[in-house]
Amino acid sequence: MDSTMLRQVEMHQYVPAVYKVYRHYADRLKEEVKPHPVLVKLYKGSRPETLNFDTDMCPTCVPPHPWLTAKTGGYLLQKTVLTRLPEMSMKQGCVVDLVPSKQIFPILDTLNQLGASPWIVNKPVLDLIIQVFRNGGMEQVDIPLPVSQCPALPKITRDLSSEEKNVIYRQRFMLKKKRSEMFSLWCDALYKLSIANHFRDSVFWFPQNIDFRGRVYPVPPHFQHLGGDMARSMLLFAKGMPLGDKGLDWLKIHLINLTGLKKKSSLTDRLAWANEILDDILDSADNPLTVRCLFLGCKSLAQRQC
């Protein structure tokens, strides 16, 4: 590739687009494949708008295949494992294969029942989260900030003393760690929002499986109802059920519980307080990002808005 393609020069210099580097990690020397910085700039400048996910990373548009045996179930075409095992476990997988099918029928029935529940996207909440995400995120509601908002690394100059340099080295290390964490959280939120936005007008299902402890999880890792508050707030049951006689009261109590302001109060007092501030609650639901919002400082804002 031409390393001078981004500059207006007469002489062109051609270099490999990908090269190898060797880095020391503790007592080990590792070989890494790195792209050329010009190639990285070209890729960032292109800003690809399409994210590609494997089939088992997303919900299904049809009910999942019922679990019939330990090796048959989940996705229709993609192979799905029944039991999630640690990477180093070899014998446990063999034990699962030796278990008679009739002995695991109750587990399979449970997974089939959970996987048969249809879901839809909560569009108003999704649009609200996308708006906040595009505007730079918000730490108060656990919507991650972009890496660009991380402070710049302090520079080390020759006139600094050894102690001052050590302080700056520690600050640079902490800032690099924070930047890495911010980028990881930002990418995770981007995946969740991208999948949710793709299924915003669809009914979908979550294939289920279990881990080695017997806990049930949806197979898709990013967008699911067992994720954080942001992911759960974007999900609704496709088949709604009536709240019943006391359902609205329990929702009010749950809303007050999310604030954490009435931990030592009785359920009756919490319900009474919810009725007193009902106007503020409705205003917060209609205008969740305004100053008057009652729960703006609450980290469960996404659940409350849902």
Protein backbone atom coordinates (compact mmCIF):
# COMPACT_ATOMS: atom_id res chain seq x y z
CA MET A 1 0.00 0.00 0.00
CA ASP A 2 1.03 3.62 -0.54
CA SER A 3 1.95 5.08 2.86
CA THR A 4 1.79 8.63 1.43
CA MET A 5 -1.73 8.38 0.01
CA LEU A 6 -3.09 10.76 2.67
CA ARG A 7 -0.48 13.41 1.87
CA GLN A 8 0.16 15.46 -1.25
CA VAL A 9 3.70 14.49 -2.15
CA GLU A 10 5.52 13.77 -5.40
CA MET A 11 7.35 10.68 -4.20
CA HIS A 12 5.28 7.65 -3.24
CA GLN A 13 6.43 5.03 -0.79
CA TYR A 14 4.95 1.54 -0.83
CA VAL A 15 5.00 -0.55 2.34
CA PRO A 16 3.19 -3.68 3.57
CA ALA A 17 -0.35 -3.03 4.78
CA VAL A 18 0.10 -5.54 7.63
CA TYR A 19 3.29 -6.34 9.49
CA LYS A 20 4.49 -8.38 12.44
CA VAL A 21 5.75 -7.04 15.74
CA TYR A 22 7.19 -8.75 18.80
CA ARG A 23 6.29 -7.53 22.26
CA HIS A 24 7.36 -8.56 25.73
CA TYR A 25 4.60 -9.44 28.20
CA ALA A 26 6.11 -10.21 31.60
CA ASP A 27 8.42 -13.15 30.84
CA ARG A 28 6.95 -13.98 27.43
CA LEU A 29 7.66 -12.72 23.92
CA LYS A 30 4.53 -12.64 21.78
CA GLU A 31 4.18 -12.20 18.04
CA GLU A 32 1.41 -9.82 16.95
CA VAL A 33 -0.02 -8.84 13.59
CA LYS A 34 -0.55 -5.08 13.31
CA PRO A 35 -2.10 -3.00 10.50
CA HIS A 36 -0.25 -0.01 9.14
CA PRO A 37 -1.35 3.32 10.75
CA VAL A 38 -2.44 4.65 7.33
CA LEU A 39 -4.67 1.61 6.87
CA VAL A 40 -6.19 2.24 10.29
CA LYS A 41 -6.92 5.86 9.34
CA LEU A 42 -8.57 4.75 6.10
CA TYR A 43 -10.74 2.27 7.95
CA LYS A 44 -11.77 4.84 10.55
CA GLY A 45 -12.48 7.39 7.84
CA SER A 46 -14.74 5.00 5.96
CA ARG A 47 -16.98 4.64 9.04
CA PRO A 48 -18.71 1.40 8.10
CA GLU A 49 -22.36 1.57 9.15
CA THR A 50 -23.08 -2.16 9.00
CA LEU A 51 -22.29 -4.52 11.86
CA ASN A 52 -22.30 -8.21 11.06
CA PHE A 53 -23.24 -10.71 13.76
CA ASP A 54 -23.22 -14.48 13.72
CA THR A 55 -26.58 -16.19 13.90
CA ASP A 56 -26.15 -17.33 17.48
CA MET A 57 -25.41 -13.74 18.54
CA CYS A 58 -28.94 -12.54 17.73
CA PRO A 59 -32.52 -13.48 18.63
CA THR A 60 -34.54 -15.57 16.21
CA CYS A 61 -37.39 -14.31 14.03
CA VAL A 62 -39.26 -17.60 14.52
CA PRO A 63 -39.73 -19.76 17.63
CA PRO A 64 -36.53 -21.69 18.37
CA HIS A 65 -36.19 -25.37 17.61
CA PRO A 66 -37.49 -27.33 20.62
CA TRP A 67 -34.89 -29.18 22.64
CA LEU A 68 -35.47 -32.88 21.93
CA THR A 69 -32.11 -34.25 23.01
CA ALA A 70 -28.89 -32.84 24.43
CA LYS A 71 -27.68 -32.19 20.88
CA THR A 72 -30.89 -31.14 19.13
CA GLY A 73 -32.47 -27.77 19.83
CA GLY A 74 -31.97 -24.03 19.87
CA TYR A 75 -31.30 -22.43 16.50
CA LEU A 76 -32.74 -24.00 13.37
CA LEU A 77 -29.50 -24.07 11.36
CA GLN A 78 -26.75 -23.02 13.78
CA LYS A 79 -25.50 -25.70 16.15
CA THR A 80 -26.37 -24.89 19.75
CA VAL A 81 -24.84 -26.54 22.81
CA LEU A 82 -27.17 -27.53 25.63
CA THR A 83 -24.70 -26.98 28.47
CA ARG A 84 -22.21 -24.14 28.77
CA LEU A 85 -18.97 -25.53 30.13
CA PRO A 86 -15.71 -23.85 31.16
CA GLU A 87 -13.05 -23.85 28.46
CA MET A 88 -10.76 -26.26 30.30
CA SER A 89 -13.44 -28.80 31.22
CA MET A 90 -13.28 -31.92 29.09
CA LYS A 91 -14.79 -34.62 31.28
CA GLN A 92 -18.02 -32.74 32.06
CA GLY A 93 -18.97 -32.72 28.38
CA CYS A 94 -18.57 -36.47 28.23
CA VAL A 95 -20.73 -36.87 31.35
CA VAL A 96 -23.55 -34.88 29.76
CA ASP A 97 -23.41 -37.09 26.67
CA LEU A 98 -23.75 -40.22 28.80
CA VAL A 99 -26.90 -39.03 30.60
CA PRO A 100 -30.02 -40.82 29.25
CA SER A 101 -32.37 -38.56 27.31
CA LYS A 102 -35.34 -39.39 29.54
CA GLN A 103 -33.45 -38.12 32.57
CA ILE A 104 -33.04 -34.64 31.12
CA PHE A 105 -36.56 -34.29 29.68
CA PRO A 106 -37.70 -31.98 32.55
CA ILE A 107 -34.76 -29.66 31.81
CA LEU A 108 -35.52 -29.68 28.11
CA ASP A 109 -39.19 -28.91 28.76
CA THR A 110 -38.16 -25.92 30.90
CA LEU A 111 -35.90 -24.56 28.19
CA ASN A 112 -38.60 -25.04 25.57
CA GLN A 113 -41.17 -23.24 27.70
CA LEU A 114 -38.87 -20.24 28.27
CA GLY A 115 -37.76 -20.12 24.67
CA ALA A 116 -41.35 -20.08 23.43
CA SER A 117 -42.01 -16.62 24.95
CA PRO A 118 -42.11 -13.95 22.20
CA TRP A 119 -40.61 -10.50 22.75
CA ILE A 120 -40.78 -7.07 21.12
CA VAL A 121 -38.70 -3.88 21.39
CA ASN A 122 -39.84 -0.98 23.57
CA LYS A 123 -39.50 1.66 20.84
CA PRO A 124 -39.84 4.85 22.95
CA VAL A 125 -37.13 3.68 25.35
CA LEU A 126 -34.92 2.54 22.46
CA ASP A 127 -35.21 5.93 20.75
CA LEU A 128 -34.44 7.70 24.04
CA ILE A 129 -31.31 5.61 24.68
CA ILE A 130 -30.11 6.07 21.09
CA GLN A 131 -30.54 9.83 21.49
CA VAL A 132 -28.46 9.89 24.68
CA PHE A 133 -25.87 7.52 23.20
CA ARG A 134 -25.39 9.67 20.08
CA ASN A 135 -25.12 12.83 22.17
CA GLY A 136 -22.15 11.55 24.15
CA GLY A 137 -23.71 9.17 26.69
CA MET A 138 -24.60 9.86 30.31
CA GLU A 139 -22.84 8.33 33.30
CA GLN A 140 -25.82 8.98 35.63
CA VAL A 141 -27.90 6.40 33.76
CA ASP A 142 -25.11 3.97 32.83
CA ILE A 143 -25.08 4.87 29.14
CA PRO A 144 -21.35 4.74 28.37
CA LEU A 145 -19.35 7.73 27.21
CA PRO A 146 -17.22 7.65 24.04
CA VAL A 147 -13.46 7.38 24.34
CA SER A 148 -13.13 10.93 23.02
CA GLN A 149 -14.37 12.25 26.38
CA CYS A 150 -11.51 10.61 28.25
CA PRO A 151 -8.88 13.13 29.41
CA ALA A 152 -5.69 13.36 27.37
CA LEU A 153 -2.57 11.64 28.63
CA PRO A 154 -0.21 13.95 30.52
CA LYS A 155 3.11 14.52 28.79
CA ILE A 156 6.51 13.73 30.24
CA THR A 157 9.17 16.37 29.75
CA ARG A 158 12.89 16.34 30.50
CA ASP A 159 12.71 19.00 33.19
CA LEU A 160 10.62 16.79 35.48
CA SER A 161 12.10 15.08 38.49
CA SER A 162 12.02 11.33 39.01
CA GLU A 163 9.16 11.55 41.51
CA GLU A 164 7.11 13.72 39.17
CA LYS A 165 7.75 11.30 36.32
CA ASN A 166 6.61 8.38 38.47
CA VAL A 167 3.39 10.22 39.28
CA ILE A 168 2.76 10.91 35.61
CA TYR A 169 3.54 7.29 34.71
CA ARG A 170 0.87 6.13 37.17
CA GLN A 171 -1.60 8.68 35.83
CA ARG A 172 -0.95 7.56 32.27
CA PHE A 173 -1.41 3.93 33.26
CA MET A 174 -4.75 4.68 34.96
CA LEU A 175 -5.96 6.80 32.03
CA LYS A 176 -5.05 4.07 29.53
CA LYS A 177 -6.92 1.55 31.65
CA LYS A 178 -9.93 3.87 31.86
CA ARG A 179 -9.83 4.50 28.12
CA SER A 180 -9.77 0.77 27.44
CA GLU A 181 -12.74 0.21 29.77
CA MET A 182 -14.67 3.10 28.21
CA PHE A 183 -14.10 1.70 24.73
CA SER A 184 -15.21 -1.78 25.81
CA LEU A 185 -18.41 -0.46 27.40
CA TRP A 186 -19.11 1.79 24.40
CA CYS A 187 -18.76 -1.11 21.96
CA ASP A 188 -20.99 -3.30 24.15
CA ALA A 189 -23.70 -0.61 24.15
CA LEU A 190 -23.31 -0.18 20.40
CA TYR A 191 -23.91 -3.90 19.86
CA LYS A 192 -27.01 -3.89 22.06
CA LEU A 193 -28.50 -0.81 20.40
CA SER A 194 -27.71 -2.06 16.90
CA ILE A 195 -29.43 -5.40 17.46
CA ALA A 196 -32.39 -3.78 19.20
CA ASN A 197 -32.79 -1.26 16.39
CA HIS A 198 -32.65 -4.06 13.82
CA PHE A 199 -35.52 -5.91 15.53
CA ARG A 200 -37.52 -2.79 16.45
CA ASP A 201 -40.48 -3.75 14.22
CA SER A 202 -40.27 -7.51 14.68
CA VAL A 203 -41.39 -10.18 17.10
CA PHE A 204 -38.47 -12.35 18.18
CA TRP A 205 -37.51 -15.18 20.49
CA PHE A 206 -34.50 -16.11 22.63
CA PRO A 207 -33.21 -19.71 22.44
CA GLN A 208 -32.23 -20.94 25.89
CA ASN A 209 -29.55 -23.21 27.30
CA ILE A 210 -28.01 -23.89 30.72
CA ASP A 211 -24.57 -23.62 32.26
CA PHE A 212 -22.72 -26.27 34.25
CA ARG A 213 -24.44 -25.07 37.46
CA GLY A 214 -27.94 -25.50 36.03
CA ARG A 215 -28.65 -21.79 35.50
CA VAL A 216 -30.71 -20.92 32.43
CA TYR A 217 -29.47 -18.22 30.05
CA PRO A 218 -30.53 -16.90 26.64
CA VAL A 219 -28.05 -17.97 23.99
CA PRO A 220 -27.58 -14.47 22.42
CA PRO A 221 -24.90 -12.76 24.56
CA HIS A 222 -25.49 -9.08 23.79
CA PHE A 223 -29.17 -8.17 23.62
CA GLN A 224 -31.21 -10.20 26.11
CA HIS A 225 -33.46 -9.86 29.16
CA LEU A 226 -30.72 -10.99 31.56
CA GLY A 227 -28.43 -8.12 30.62
CA GLY A 228 -28.06 -4.76 32.34
CA ASP A 229 -30.75 -2.17 32.96
CA MET A 230 -30.28 -0.64 29.54
CA ALA A 231 -30.88 -3.91 27.69
CA ARG A 232 -33.84 -4.94 29.87
CA SER A 233 -35.54 -1.57 29.50
CA MET A 234 -35.69 -2.06 25.73
CA LEU A 235 -37.63 -5.32 25.95
CA LEU A 236 -41.35 -6.04 26.26
CA PHE A 237 -43.38 -9.22 26.23
CA ALA A 238 -45.11 -9.57 22.88
CA LYS A 239 -48.16 -11.03 24.62
CA GLY A 240 -49.14 -8.62 27.37
CA MET A 241 -51.16 -9.62 30.40
CA PRO A 242 -53.57 -7.52 32.53
CA LEU A 243 -52.04 -6.05 35.69
CA GLY A 244 -54.93 -7.19 37.87
CA ASP A 245 -56.43 -5.47 40.90
CA LYS A 246 -53.14 -4.73 42.70
CA GLY A 247 -50.77 -4.69 39.75
CA LEU A 248 -50.58 -0.91 39.45
CA ASP A 249 -49.86 -0.56 43.17
CA TRP A 250 -46.99 -3.02 42.93
CA LEU A 251 -45.58 -1.12 39.95
CA LYS A 252 -45.63 2.09 42.01
CA ILE A 253 -43.86 0.35 44.87
CA HIS A 254 -41.26 -1.08 42.50
CA LEU A 255 -40.71 2.39 41.07
CA ILE A 256 -40.02 3.79 44.53
CA ASN A 257 -37.69 0.87 45.25
CA LEU A 258 -35.60 1.84 42.23
CA THR A 259 -34.95 5.27 43.70
CA GLY A 260 -33.50 3.84 46.91
CA LEU A 261 -35.01 6.73 48.88
CA LYS A 262 -37.46 4.71 50.99
CA LYS A 263 -35.42 1.67 51.99
CA LYS A 264 -36.53 1.76 55.62
CA SER A 265 -40.18 2.58 54.90
CA SER A 266 -43.00 0.08 54.81
CA LEU A 267 -44.73 -0.91 51.58
CA THR A 268 -47.74 1.18 52.60
CA ASP A 269 -45.58 4.27 53.06
CA ARG A 270 -43.86 3.70 49.74
CA LEU A 271 -47.19 3.40 47.96
CA ALA A 272 -48.48 6.55 49.67
CA TRP A 273 -45.38 8.50 48.65
CA ALA A 274 -45.73 7.29 45.05
CA ASN A 275 -49.30 8.62 44.97
CA GLU A 276 -48.15 11.97 46.41
CA ILE A 277 -45.54 12.53 43.70
CA LEU A 278 -47.56 10.96 40.90
CA ASP A 279 -47.47 14.18 38.85
CA ASP A 280 -43.68 14.28 39.05
CA ILE A 281 -43.50 10.61 38.07
CA LEU A 282 -45.64 11.20 34.98
CA ASP A 283 -43.61 14.27 34.07
CA SER A 284 -40.38 12.29 34.45
CA ALA A 285 -41.77 9.60 32.15
CA ASP A 286 -42.72 12.20 29.50
CA ASN A 287 -39.50 14.24 29.88
CA PRO A 288 -36.85 11.87 31.26
CA LEU A 289 -33.86 14.12 30.52
CA THR A 290 -35.11 17.42 31.91
CA VAL A 291 -34.00 19.04 35.14
CA ARG A 292 -37.33 18.33 36.78
CA CYS A 293 -36.90 14.58 36.22
CA LEU A 294 -37.30 13.03 39.65
CA PHE A 295 -35.07 10.03 38.98
CA LEU A 296 -32.33 11.56 36.82
CA GLY A 297 -29.67 10.77 39.40
CA CYS A 298 -30.91 7.21 39.80
CA LYS A 299 -28.80 4.55 38.06
CA SER A 300 -31.96 2.56 37.37
CA LEU A 301 -33.32 5.30 35.11
CA ALA A 302 -33.61 2.88 32.21
CA GLN A 303 -35.76 0.49 34.27
CA ARG A 304 -37.83 3.39 35.58
CA GLN A 305 -38.42 4.77 32.09
CA CYS A 306 -39.52 1.32 30.95
